[in-house]
């Protein structure tokens, strides 16, 4: 059964319920199952300082100012005594 058929069947079932208490329960269950939240872009949650640091890092990468992963890992192993 596709989504459209399910919606139609649910509508029919709910439409035939006359018991207000049961309708309230169905309503509560559906609200608890379906969370409708506006999409939040992580960028909007960052401070101005965090955004500036990210933008600077991107600019550095665009200029080719990168440190190879292997080098960073070598430095971290030495710094923290890892193998």
PDB file of N, CA and C in Angstrom:
ATOM      1  N   UNK A   1       0.855  -1.175   0.000  1.00  0.00           N
ATOM      2  CA  UNK A   1       0.000   0.000   0.000  1.00  0.00           C
ATOM      3  C   UNK A   1       0.902   1.239   0.000  1.00  0.00           C
ATOM      4  N   UNK A   2       0.628   2.148  -0.892  1.00  0.00           N
ATOM      5  CA  UNK A   2       1.419   3.366  -0.993  1.00  0.00           C
ATOM      6  C   UNK A   2       0.994   4.401   0.029  1.00  0.00           C
ATOM      7  N   UNK A   3       1.778   5.462   0.108  1.00  0.00           N
ATOM      8  CA  UNK A   3       1.521   6.523   1.080  1.00  0.00           C
ATOM      9  C   UNK A   3       0.164   7.182   0.856  1.00  0.00           C
ATOM     10  N   UNK A   4      -0.194   7.385  -0.387  1.00  0.00           N
ATOM     11  CA  UNK A   4      -1.477   8.028  -0.683  1.00  0.00           C
ATOM     12  C   UNK A   4      -2.647   7.166  -0.209  1.00  0.00           C
ATOM     13  N   UNK A   5      -2.555   5.865  -0.460  1.00  0.00           N
ATOM     14  CA  UNK A   5      -3.620   4.958  -0.006  1.00  0.00           C
ATOM     15  C   UNK A   5      -3.704   4.920   1.510  1.00  0.00           C
ATOM     16  N   UNK A   6      -2.540   4.902   2.163  1.00  0.00           N
ATOM     17  CA  UNK A   6      -2.532   4.914   3.630  1.00  0.00           C
ATOM     18  C   UNK A   6      -3.177   6.174   4.182  1.00  0.00           C
ATOM     19  N   UNK A   7      -2.849   7.308   3.589  1.00  0.00           N
ATOM     20  CA  UNK A   7      -3.444   8.566   4.031  1.00  0.00           C
ATOM     21  C   UNK A   7      -4.955   8.552   3.851  1.00  0.00           C
ATOM     22  N   UNK A   8      -5.390   8.034   2.722  1.00  0.00           N
ATOM     23  CA  UNK A   8      -6.829   7.956   2.453  1.00  0.00           C
ATOM     24  C   UNK A   8      -7.518   7.061   3.465  1.00  0.00           C
ATOM     25  N   UNK A   9      -6.913   5.886   3.740  1.00  0.00           N
ATOM     26  CA  UNK A   9      -7.499   4.966   4.716  1.00  0.00           C
ATOM     27  C   UNK A   9      -7.529   5.581   6.113  1.00  0.00           C
ATOM     28  N   UNK A  10      -6.432   6.237   6.491  1.00  0.00           N
ATOM     29  CA  UNK A  10      -6.406   6.886   7.805  1.00  0.00           C
ATOM     30  C   UNK A  10      -7.470   7.969   7.903  1.00  0.00           C
ATOM     31  N   UNK A  11      -7.597   8.752   6.858  1.00  0.00           N
ATOM     32  CA  UNK A  11      -8.618   9.799   6.842  1.00  0.00           C
ATOM     33  C   UNK A  11     -10.009   9.195   7.013  1.00  0.00           C
ATOM     34  N   UNK A  12     -10.271   8.118   6.301  1.00  0.00           N
ATOM     35  CA  UNK A  12     -11.581   7.460   6.383  1.00  0.00           C
ATOM     36  C   UNK A  12     -11.838   6.945   7.797  1.00  0.00           C
ATOM     37  N   UNK A  13     -10.821   6.289   8.368  1.00  0.00           N
ATOM     38  CA  UNK A  13     -10.980   5.758   9.724  1.00  0.00           C
ATOM     39  C   UNK A  13     -11.250   6.883  10.710  1.00  0.00           C
ATOM     40  N   UNK A  14     -10.445   7.930  10.657  1.00  0.00           N
ATOM     41  CA  UNK A  14     -10.602   9.046  11.586  1.00  0.00           C
ATOM     42  C   UNK A  14     -11.914   9.760  11.350  1.00  0.00           C
ATOM     43  N   UNK A  15     -12.309   9.896  10.102  1.00  0.00           N
ATOM     44  CA  UNK A  15     -13.566  10.572   9.763  1.00  0.00           C
ATOM     45  C   UNK A  15     -14.781   9.840  10.328  1.00  0.00           C
ATOM     46  N   UNK A  16     -14.654   8.543  10.529  1.00  0.00           N
ATOM     47  CA  UNK A  16     -15.776   7.746  11.043  1.00  0.00           C
ATOM     48  C   UNK A  16     -15.793   7.639  12.564  1.00  0.00           C
ATOM     49  N   UNK A  17     -14.851   8.243  13.252  1.00  0.00           N
ATOM     50  CA  UNK A  17     -14.827   8.219  14.708  1.00  0.00           C
ATOM     51  C   UNK A  17     -15.666   9.376  15.233  1.00  0.00           C
ATOM     52  N   UNK A  18     -16.617   9.043  16.083  1.00  0.00           N
ATOM     53  CA  UNK A  18     -17.462  10.074  16.681  1.00  0.00           C
ATOM     54  C   UNK A  18     -17.119  10.322  18.150  1.00  0.00           C
ATOM     55  N   UNK A  19     -16.338   9.440  18.737  1.00  0.00           N
ATOM     56  CA  UNK A  19     -15.974   9.542  20.148  1.00  0.00           C
ATOM     57  C   UNK A  19     -14.876  10.600  20.314  1.00  0.00           C
ATOM     58  N   UNK A  20     -15.231  11.707  20.977  1.00  0.00           N
ATOM     59  CA  UNK A  20     -14.286  12.813  21.134  1.00  0.00           C
ATOM     60  C   UNK A  20     -13.056  12.388  21.922  1.00  0.00           C
ATOM     61  N   UNK A  21     -13.216  11.551  22.947  1.00  0.00           N
ATOM     62  CA  UNK A  21     -12.071  11.083  23.727  1.00  0.00           C
ATOM     63  C   UNK A  21     -11.108  10.271  22.861  1.00  0.00           C
ATOM     64  N   UNK A  22     -11.649   9.413  22.020  1.00  0.00           N
ATOM     65  CA  UNK A  22     -10.812   8.618  21.129  1.00  0.00           C
ATOM     66  C   UNK A  22     -10.106   9.514  20.114  1.00  0.00           C
ATOM     67  N   UNK A  23     -10.815  10.496  19.585  1.00  0.00           N
ATOM     68  CA  UNK A  23     -10.204  11.436  18.644  1.00  0.00           C
ATOM     69  C   UNK A  23      -9.061  12.208  19.303  1.00  0.00           C
ATOM     70  N   UNK A  24      -9.258  12.608  20.561  1.00  0.00           N
ATOM     71  CA  UNK A  24      -8.188  13.300  21.289  1.00  0.00           C
ATOM     72  C   UNK A  24      -6.967  12.396  21.462  1.00  0.00           C
ATOM     73  N   UNK A  25      -7.208  11.119  21.742  1.00  0.00           N
ATOM     74  CA  UNK A  25      -6.101  10.174  21.899  1.00  0.00           C
ATOM     75  C   UNK A  25      -5.353   9.984  20.583  1.00  0.00           C
ATOM     76  N   UNK A  26      -6.094   9.834  19.483  1.00  0.00           N
ATOM     77  CA  UNK A  26      -5.466   9.683  18.175  1.00  0.00           C
ATOM     78  C   UNK A  26      -4.666  10.934  17.839  1.00  0.00           C
ATOM     79  N   UNK A  27      -5.241  12.058  18.124  1.00  0.00           N
ATOM     80  CA  UNK A  27      -4.577  13.337  17.871  1.00  0.00           C
ATOM     81  C   UNK A  27      -3.263  13.428  18.653  1.00  0.00           C
ATOM     82  N   UNK A  28      -3.315  13.078  19.933  1.00  0.00           N
ATOM     83  CA  UNK A  28      -2.124  13.122  20.785  1.00  0.00           C
ATOM     84  C   UNK A  28      -1.053  12.164  20.293  1.00  0.00           C
ATOM     85  N   UNK A  29      -1.462  10.952  19.925  1.00  0.00           N
ATOM     86  CA  UNK A  29      -0.493   9.970  19.420  1.00  0.00           C
ATOM     87  C   UNK A  29       0.171  10.486  18.156  1.00  0.00           C
ATOM     88  N   UNK A  30      -0.609  11.003  17.227  1.00  0.00           N
ATOM     89  CA  UNK A  30      -0.042  11.510  15.975  1.00  0.00           C
ATOM     90  C   UNK A  30       0.893  12.692  16.218  1.00  0.00           C
ATOM     91  N   UNK A  31       0.530  13.585  17.109  1.00  0.00           N
ATOM     92  CA  UNK A  31       1.399  14.721  17.411  1.00  0.00           C
ATOM     93  C   UNK A  31       2.716  14.262  18.024  1.00  0.00           C
ATOM     94  N   UNK A  32       2.652  13.233  18.879  1.00  0.00           N
ATOM     95  CA  UNK A  32       3.873  12.734  19.504  1.00  0.00           C
ATOM     96  C   UNK A  32       4.755  11.982  18.520  1.00  0.00           C
ATOM     97  N   UNK A  33       4.182  11.391  17.511  1.00  0.00           N
ATOM     98  CA  UNK A  33       4.944  10.632  16.529  1.00  0.00           C
ATOM     99  C   UNK A  33       5.538  11.503  15.436  1.00  0.00           C
ATOM    100  N   UNK A  34       4.840  12.554  15.122  1.00  0.00           N
ATOM    101  CA  UNK A  34       5.267  13.416  14.012  1.00  0.00           C
ATOM    102  C   UNK A  34       5.771  14.725  14.590  1.00  0.00           C
ATOM    103  N   UNK A  35       7.049  14.964  14.428  1.00  0.00           N
ATOM    104  CA  UNK A  35       7.598  16.227  14.884  1.00  0.00           C
ATOM    105  C   UNK A  35       7.854  17.090  13.665  1.00  0.00           C
ATOM    106  N   UNK A  36       7.168  18.165  13.632  1.00  0.00           N
ATOM    107  CA  UNK A  36       7.338  19.093  12.521  1.00  0.00           C
ATOM    108  C   UNK A  36       8.160  20.260  13.038  1.00  0.00           C
ATOM    109  N   UNK A  37       9.431  20.238  12.685  1.00  0.00           N
ATOM    110  CA  UNK A  37      10.329  21.296  13.112  1.00  0.00           C
ATOM    111  C   UNK A  37      10.864  21.992  11.870  1.00  0.00           C
ATOM    112  N   UNK A  38      10.954  23.299  11.945  1.00  0.00           N
ATOM    113  CA  UNK A  38      11.559  23.984  10.802  1.00  0.00           C
ATOM    114  C   UNK A  38      13.020  23.560  10.683  1.00  0.00           C
ATOM    115  N   UNK A  39      13.456  23.408   9.463  1.00  0.00           N
ATOM    116  CA  UNK A  39      14.847  23.033   9.238  1.00  0.00           C
ATOM    117  C   UNK A  39      15.751  24.144   9.760  1.00  0.00           C
ATOM    118  N   UNK A  40      16.721  23.754  10.560  1.00  0.00           N
ATOM    119  CA  UNK A  40      17.654  24.724  11.114  1.00  0.00           C
ATOM    120  C   UNK A  40      19.007  24.458  10.485  1.00  0.00           C
ATOM    121  N   UNK A  41      19.531  25.464   9.852  1.00  0.00           N
ATOM    122  CA  UNK A  41      20.851  25.368   9.254  1.00  0.00           C
ATOM    123  C   UNK A  41      21.873  25.592  10.356  1.00  0.00           C
ATOM    124  N   UNK A  42      22.825  24.662  10.499  1.00  0.00           N
ATOM    125  CA  UNK A  42      23.802  24.777  11.572  1.00  0.00           C
ATOM    126  C   UNK A  42      24.529  26.118  11.525  1.00  0.00           C
ATOM    127  N   UNK A  43      24.704  26.659  10.334  1.00  0.00           N
ATOM    128  CA  UNK A  43      25.416  27.919  10.165  1.00  0.00           C
ATOM    129  C   UNK A  43      24.739  29.033  10.959  1.00  0.00           C
ATOM    130  N   UNK A  44      23.421  29.008  10.993  1.00  0.00           N
ATOM    131  CA  UNK A  44      22.673  30.042  11.711  1.00  0.00           C
ATOM    132  C   UNK A  44      22.848  29.930  13.221  1.00  0.00           C
ATOM    133  N   UNK A  45      23.296  28.774  13.695  1.00  0.00           N
ATOM    134  CA  UNK A  45      23.476  28.547  15.120  1.00  0.00           C
ATOM    135  C   UNK A  45      24.882  28.925  15.608  1.00  0.00           C
ATOM    136  N   UNK A  46      25.787  29.214  14.678  1.00  0.00           N
ATOM    137  CA  UNK A  46      27.173  29.522  15.035  1.00  0.00           C
ATOM    138  C   UNK A  46      27.333  30.979  15.448  1.00  0.00           C
ATOM    139  N   UNK A  47      28.320  31.211  16.311  1.00  0.00           N
ATOM    140  CA  UNK A  47      28.634  32.587  16.703  1.00  0.00           C
ATOM    141  C   UNK A  47      29.387  33.267  15.555  1.00  0.00           C
ATOM    142  N   UNK A  48      29.497  34.578  15.642  1.00  0.00           N
ATOM    143  CA  UNK A  48      30.228  35.334  14.623  1.00  0.00           C
ATOM    144  C   UNK A  48      31.689  34.887  14.578  1.00  0.00           C
ATOM    145  N   UNK A  49      32.268  34.600  15.755  1.00  0.00           N
ATOM    146  CA  UNK A  49      33.658  34.156  15.815  1.00  0.00           C
ATOM    147  C   UNK A  49      33.838  32.799  15.138  1.00  0.00           C
ATOM    148  N   UNK A  50      32.901  31.899  15.365  1.00  0.00           N
ATOM    149  CA  UNK A  50      32.986  30.575  14.738  1.00  0.00           C
ATOM    150  C   UNK A  50      32.864  30.681  13.218  1.00  0.00           C
ATOM    151  N   UNK A  51      31.932  31.510  12.763  1.00  0.00           N
ATOM    152  CA  UNK A  51      31.768  31.706  11.320  1.00  0.00           C
ATOM    153  C   UNK A  51      33.037  32.288  10.703  1.00  0.00           C
ATOM    154  N   UNK A  52      33.617  33.258  11.399  1.00  0.00           N
ATOM    155  CA  UNK A  52      34.837  33.898  10.899  1.00  0.00           C
ATOM    156  C   UNK A  52      35.973  32.877  10.807  1.00  0.00           C
ATOM    157  N   UNK A  53      36.110  32.021  11.821  1.00  0.00           N
ATOM    158  CA  UNK A  53      37.173  31.014  11.819  1.00  0.00           C
ATOM    159  C   UNK A  53      36.978  30.016  10.678  1.00  0.00           C
ATOM    160  N   UNK A  54      35.743  29.619  10.438  1.00  0.00           N
ATOM    161  CA  UNK A  54      35.459  28.685   9.344  1.00  0.00           C
ATOM    162  C   UNK A  54      35.766  29.341   8.002  1.00  0.00           C
ATOM    163  N   UNK A  55      35.314  30.587   7.849  1.00  0.00           N
ATOM    164  CA  UNK A  55      35.560  31.287   6.587  1.00  0.00           C
ATOM    165  C   UNK A  55      37.057  31.464   6.335  1.00  0.00           C
ATOM    166  N   UNK A  56      37.827  31.745   7.391  1.00  0.00           N
ATOM    167  CA  UNK A  56      39.272  31.882   7.245  1.00  0.00           C
ATOM    168  C   UNK A  56      39.892  30.541   6.849  1.00  0.00           C
ATOM    169  N   UNK A  57      39.436  29.462   7.461  1.00  0.00           N
ATOM    170  CA  UNK A  57      39.935  28.137   7.098  1.00  0.00           C
ATOM    171  C   UNK A  57      39.644  27.791   5.653  1.00  0.00           C
ATOM    172  N   UNK A  58      38.459  28.139   5.188  1.00  0.00           N
ATOM    173  CA  UNK A  58      38.109  27.891   3.787  1.00  0.00           C
ATOM    174  C   UNK A  58      38.984  28.732   2.851  1.00  0.00           C
ATOM    175  N   UNK A  59      39.228  29.984   3.245  1.00  0.00           N
ATOM    176  CA  UNK A  59      40.087  30.848   2.427  1.00  0.00           C
ATOM    177  C   UNK A  59      41.506  30.290   2.367  1.00  0.00           C
ATOM    178  N   UNK A  60      42.005  29.791   3.502  1.00  0.00           N
ATOM    179  CA  UNK A  60      43.332  29.179   3.527  1.00  0.00           C
ATOM    180  C   UNK A  60      43.380  27.962   2.601  1.00  0.00           C
ATOM    181  N   UNK A  61      42.355  27.167   2.643  1.00  0.00           N
ATOM    182  CA  UNK A  61      42.306  25.982   1.775  1.00  0.00           C
ATOM    183  C   UNK A  61      42.280  26.398   0.312  1.00  0.00           C
ATOM    184  N   UNK A  62      41.506  27.433   0.010  1.00  0.00           N
ATOM    185  CA  UNK A  62      41.453  27.926  -1.372  1.00  0.00           C
ATOM    186  C   UNK A  62      42.821  28.414  -1.847  1.00  0.00           C
ATOM    187  N   UNK A  63      43.621  28.938  -0.915  1.00  0.00           N
ATOM    188  CA  UNK A  63      44.961  29.421  -1.265  1.00  0.00           C
ATOM    189  C   UNK A  63      45.992  28.284  -1.265  1.00  0.00           C
ATOM    190  N   UNK A  64      45.543  27.094  -0.948  1.00  0.00           N
ATOM    191  CA  UNK A  64      46.452  25.942  -0.932  1.00  0.00           C
ATOM    192  C   UNK A  64      47.266  25.828   0.338  1.00  0.00           C
ATOM    193  N   UNK A  65      46.867  26.565   1.357  1.00  0.00           N
ATOM    194  CA  UNK A  65      47.585  26.531   2.632  1.00  0.00           C
ATOM    195  C   UNK A  65      47.040  25.381   3.482  1.00  0.00           C
ATOM    196  N   UNK A  66      47.412  24.179   3.108  1.00  0.00           N
ATOM    197  CA  UNK A  66      46.887  22.985   3.761  1.00  0.00           C
ATOM    198  C   UNK A  66      48.012  22.184   4.408  1.00  0.00           C
ATOM    199  N   UNK A  67      47.659  21.431   5.439  1.00  0.00           N
ATOM    200  CA  UNK A  67      48.594  20.499   6.059  1.00  0.00           C
ATOM    201  C   UNK A  67      48.081  19.100   5.753  1.00  0.00           C
ATOM    202  N   UNK A  68      48.906  18.255   5.140  1.00  0.00           N
ATOM    203  CA  UNK A  68      48.460  16.904   4.818  1.00  0.00           C
ATOM    204  C   UNK A  68      48.009  16.134   6.068  1.00  0.00           C
ATOM    205  N   UNK A  69      47.011  15.327   5.896  1.00  0.00           N
ATOM    206  CA  UNK A  69      46.444  14.535   6.984  1.00  0.00           C
ATOM    207  C   UNK A  69      47.523  13.732   7.708  1.00  0.00           C
ATOM    208  N   UNK A  70      48.404  13.110   6.945  1.00  0.00           N
ATOM    209  CA  UNK A  70      49.452  12.287   7.539  1.00  0.00           C
ATOM    210  C   UNK A  70      50.327  13.097   8.494  1.00  0.00           C
ATOM    211  N   UNK A  71      50.616  14.338   8.112  1.00  0.00           N
ATOM    212  CA  UNK A  71      51.448  15.192   8.946  1.00  0.00           C
ATOM    213  C   UNK A  71      50.730  15.571  10.243  1.00  0.00           C
ATOM    214  N   UNK A  72      49.468  15.891  10.125  1.00  0.00           N
ATOM    215  CA  UNK A  72      48.680  16.229  11.315  1.00  0.00           C
ATOM    216  C   UNK A  72      48.619  15.032  12.252  1.00  0.00           C
ATOM    217  N   UNK A  73      48.382  13.845  11.697  1.00  0.00           N
ATOM    218  CA  UNK A  73      48.308  12.645  12.527  1.00  0.00           C
ATOM    219  C   UNK A  73      49.649  12.360  13.208  1.00  0.00           C
ATOM    220  N   UNK A  74      50.742  12.573  12.500  1.00  0.00           N
ATOM    221  CA  UNK A  74      52.075  12.367  13.071  1.00  0.00           C
ATOM    222  C   UNK A  74      52.282  13.309  14.255  1.00  0.00           C
ATOM    223  N   UNK A  75      51.907  14.581  14.083  1.00  0.00           N
ATOM    224  CA  UNK A  75      52.041  15.559  15.160  1.00  0.00           C
ATOM    225  C   UNK A  75      51.181  15.187  16.367  1.00  0.00           C
ATOM    226  N   UNK A  76      49.971  14.719  16.131  1.00  0.00           N
ATOM    227  CA  UNK A  76      49.080  14.343  17.222  1.00  0.00           C
ATOM    228  C   UNK A  76      49.607  13.121  17.976  1.00  0.00           C
ATOM    229  N   UNK A  77      50.149  12.163  17.234  1.00  0.00           N
ATOM    230  CA  UNK A  77      50.718  10.968  17.879  1.00  0.00           C
ATOM    231  C   UNK A  77      51.880  11.356  18.790  1.00  0.00           C
ATOM    232  N   UNK A  78      52.747  12.236  18.280  1.00  0.00           N
ATOM    233  CA  UNK A  78      53.889  12.682  19.078  1.00  0.00           C
ATOM    234  C   UNK A  78      53.418  13.491  20.294  1.00  0.00           C
ATOM    235  N   UNK A  79      52.488  14.384  20.065  1.00  0.00           N
ATOM    236  CA  UNK A  79      52.018  15.268  21.141  1.00  0.00           C
ATOM    237  C   UNK A  79      51.336  14.486  22.264  1.00  0.00           C
ATOM    238  N   UNK A  80      50.517  13.483  21.883  1.00  0.00           N
ATOM    239  CA  UNK A  80      49.729  12.759  22.883  1.00  0.00           C
ATOM    240  C   UNK A  80      50.268  11.358  23.175  1.00  0.00           C
ATOM    241  N   UNK A  81      51.450  11.042  22.649  1.00  0.00           N
ATOM    242  CA  UNK A  81      52.065   9.752  22.934  1.00  0.00           C
ATOM    243  C   UNK A  81      51.284   8.568  22.401  1.00  0.00           C
ATOM    244  N   UNK A  82      50.683   8.738  21.253  1.00  0.00           N
ATOM    245  CA  UNK A  82      49.891   7.666  20.637  1.00  0.00           C
ATOM    246  C   UNK A  82      50.738   6.878  19.667  1.00  0.00           C
ATOM    247  N   UNK A  83      50.290   5.684  19.357  1.00  0.00           N
ATOM    248  CA  UNK A  83      51.009   4.843  18.402  1.00  0.00           C
ATOM    249  C   UNK A  83      50.455   4.997  17.016  1.00  0.00           C
TER     250      UNK A  83
END
